[in-house]
Amino acid sequence: MKSPSGAALVTADAVALLAFVGVGMRSHQIDAIAEVAARNVVPLAVTWAMVSVVAGTYRRRDLASLLATWAIAVPLGLLARTWWVGSPRSGRIAVFLGVGMVFTLVFLMLGRGVAAAITRTRPVWRERATAQ
């Protein structure tokens, strides 16, 4: 069984990251107006795109490249968003990063699982175990 295509994984990751931002905005009762949505999505999307190119996330399509991209892009994106928006501040940044890291990983893994189920392919977390 092969892994999902790069296009399927790009779509799954994009939907997962957008869902993360949407849920975050909703949980803080922020209306989804375009400007507010953009300033929450753009930093994360840009850092994700840049790091995924360098890490080969959609070329390699394995768990290691996904985790490398996540571990670098998400904190950079969340910190860029914090700088742009001006919040959270002080000790709340650590909480923001912690929550953001956990929930983006949950959303990404769910998205990758759904992509594998829809395309009837092997989930990314099983790729290396079966390849060895």
Protein backbone atom coordinates (compact mmCIF):
# COMPACT_ATOMS: atom_id res chain seq x y z
CA MET A 1 0.00 0.00 0.00
CA LYS A 2 1.41 3.38 -1.00
CA SER A 3 1.28 6.66 0.90
CA PRO A 4 -1.08 9.52 -0.02
CA SER A 5 0.06 11.83 -2.81
CA GLY A 6 1.82 15.08 -2.01
CA ALA A 7 -1.25 16.99 -3.21
CA ALA A 8 -3.51 15.04 -0.85
CA LEU A 9 -1.17 15.75 2.05
CA VAL A 10 -0.87 19.47 1.20
CA THR A 11 -4.67 19.67 1.18
CA ALA A 12 -4.98 17.73 4.44
CA ASP A 13 -2.37 19.89 6.17
CA ALA A 14 -3.89 23.13 4.89
CA VAL A 15 -7.35 22.13 6.08
CA ALA A 16 -5.91 21.02 9.44
CA LEU A 17 -4.08 24.30 10.00
CA LEU A 18 -7.12 26.35 8.92
CA ALA A 19 -9.31 24.28 11.26
CA PHE A 20 -6.85 24.93 14.10
CA VAL A 21 -7.03 28.69 13.52
CA GLY A 22 -10.82 28.58 13.14
CA VAL A 23 -11.30 26.62 16.36
CA GLY A 24 -8.90 28.95 18.18
CA MET A 25 -10.74 32.03 16.97
CA ARG A 26 -14.09 30.48 17.84
CA SER A 27 -12.96 29.44 21.33
CA HIS A 28 -11.92 33.04 22.00
CA GLN A 29 -15.19 34.39 20.54
CA ILE A 30 -13.40 36.17 17.71
CA ASP A 31 -15.61 36.78 14.71
CA ALA A 32 -14.13 35.38 11.51
CA ILE A 33 -13.78 38.65 9.64
CA ALA A 34 -11.22 38.58 6.87
CA GLU A 35 -8.58 40.79 8.52
CA VAL A 36 -8.63 38.91 11.82
CA ALA A 37 -8.60 35.55 10.04
CA ALA A 38 -5.73 36.62 7.80
CA ARG A 39 -3.52 37.85 10.61
CA ASN A 40 -4.01 34.50 12.34
CA VAL A 41 -3.59 32.32 9.24
CA VAL A 42 -0.90 34.11 7.22
CA PRO A 43 2.05 33.76 9.65
CA LEU A 44 1.36 30.06 10.19
CA ALA A 45 0.75 29.35 6.50
CA VAL A 46 3.86 31.21 5.34
CA THR A 47 6.19 29.57 7.85
CA TRP A 48 4.64 26.16 7.14
CA ALA A 49 5.13 26.58 3.38
CA MET A 50 8.74 27.73 3.72
CA VAL A 51 9.78 25.02 6.17
CA SER A 52 7.94 22.27 4.26
CA VAL A 53 9.91 23.11 1.12
CA VAL A 54 13.22 22.91 2.99
CA ALA A 55 12.22 19.75 4.90
CA GLY A 56 10.83 18.06 1.79
CA THR A 57 7.59 17.36 3.62
CA TYR A 58 5.53 16.67 0.49
CA ARG A 59 8.35 15.08 -1.45
CA ARG A 60 9.30 12.60 1.27
CA ARG A 61 5.77 12.24 2.71
CA ASP A 62 6.96 10.55 5.90
CA LEU A 63 6.42 11.10 9.60
CA ALA A 64 9.93 12.50 10.18
CA SER A 65 9.51 15.30 7.65
CA LEU A 66 6.03 16.12 8.98
CA LEU A 67 7.32 16.32 12.56
CA ALA A 68 10.35 18.38 11.53
CA THR A 69 8.10 20.82 9.69
CA TRP A 70 5.69 20.97 12.61
CA ALA A 71 8.44 21.45 15.23
CA ILE A 72 9.99 24.37 13.33
CA ALA A 73 7.13 26.03 11.44
CA VAL A 74 4.44 26.08 14.11
CA PRO A 75 6.42 27.89 16.85
CA LEU A 76 7.87 30.31 14.27
CA GLY A 77 4.39 30.94 12.83
CA LEU A 78 2.83 31.42 16.25
CA LEU A 79 5.61 33.78 17.34
CA ALA A 80 5.28 35.75 14.08
CA ARG A 81 1.53 35.97 14.71
CA THR A 82 2.20 37.17 18.27
CA TRP A 83 4.57 39.86 16.98
CA TRP A 84 2.06 40.97 14.31
CA VAL A 85 -1.00 40.99 16.56
CA GLY A 86 0.73 42.10 19.76
CA SER A 87 -0.70 39.39 21.96
CA PRO A 88 -0.32 37.30 23.99
CA ARG A 89 2.36 38.94 26.14
CA SER A 90 4.79 37.92 28.88
CA GLY A 91 4.28 34.45 30.36
CA ARG A 92 1.17 33.87 28.30
CA ILE A 93 3.33 33.36 25.22
CA ALA A 94 4.61 30.06 26.62
CA VAL A 95 1.05 28.85 27.22
CA PHE A 96 0.02 30.03 23.74
CA LEU A 97 2.94 28.13 22.17
CA GLY A 98 2.28 25.00 24.22
CA VAL A 99 -1.41 24.88 23.38
CA GLY A 100 -0.69 25.76 19.75
CA MET A 101 1.91 23.00 19.42
CA VAL A 102 -0.33 20.32 20.92
CA PHE A 103 -3.44 21.23 18.99
CA THR A 104 -1.75 21.76 15.62
CA LEU A 105 -0.20 18.29 15.93
CA VAL A 106 -3.59 16.79 16.80
CA PHE A 107 -5.23 18.54 13.82
CA LEU A 108 -2.39 17.57 11.46
CA MET A 109 -2.47 13.91 12.48
CA LEU A 110 -6.26 13.80 12.15
CA GLY A 111 -6.01 15.44 8.73
CA ARG A 112 -3.34 12.99 7.61
CA GLY A 113 -5.48 10.09 8.87
CA VAL A 114 -8.52 11.35 6.98
CA ALA A 115 -6.42 11.84 3.82
CA ALA A 116 -5.15 8.25 4.09
CA ALA A 117 -8.68 6.92 4.62
CA ILE A 118 -10.13 8.88 1.69
CA THR A 119 -7.33 7.92 -0.68
CA ARG A 120 -7.17 4.37 0.72
CA THR A 121 -3.47 4.67 1.36
CA ARG A 122 -1.16 4.13 4.29
CA PRO A 123 -1.19 6.83 7.00
CA VAL A 124 2.04 8.84 7.25
CA TRP A 125 2.81 7.46 10.72
CA ARG A 126 2.90 3.90 9.32
CA GLU A 127 5.11 4.75 6.34
CA ARG A 128 8.52 4.18 7.96
CA ALA A 129 7.51 1.14 10.00
CA THR A 130 6.36 -0.74 6.90
CA ALA A 131 9.17 0.49 4.66
CA GLN A 132 11.86 -1.06 6.88
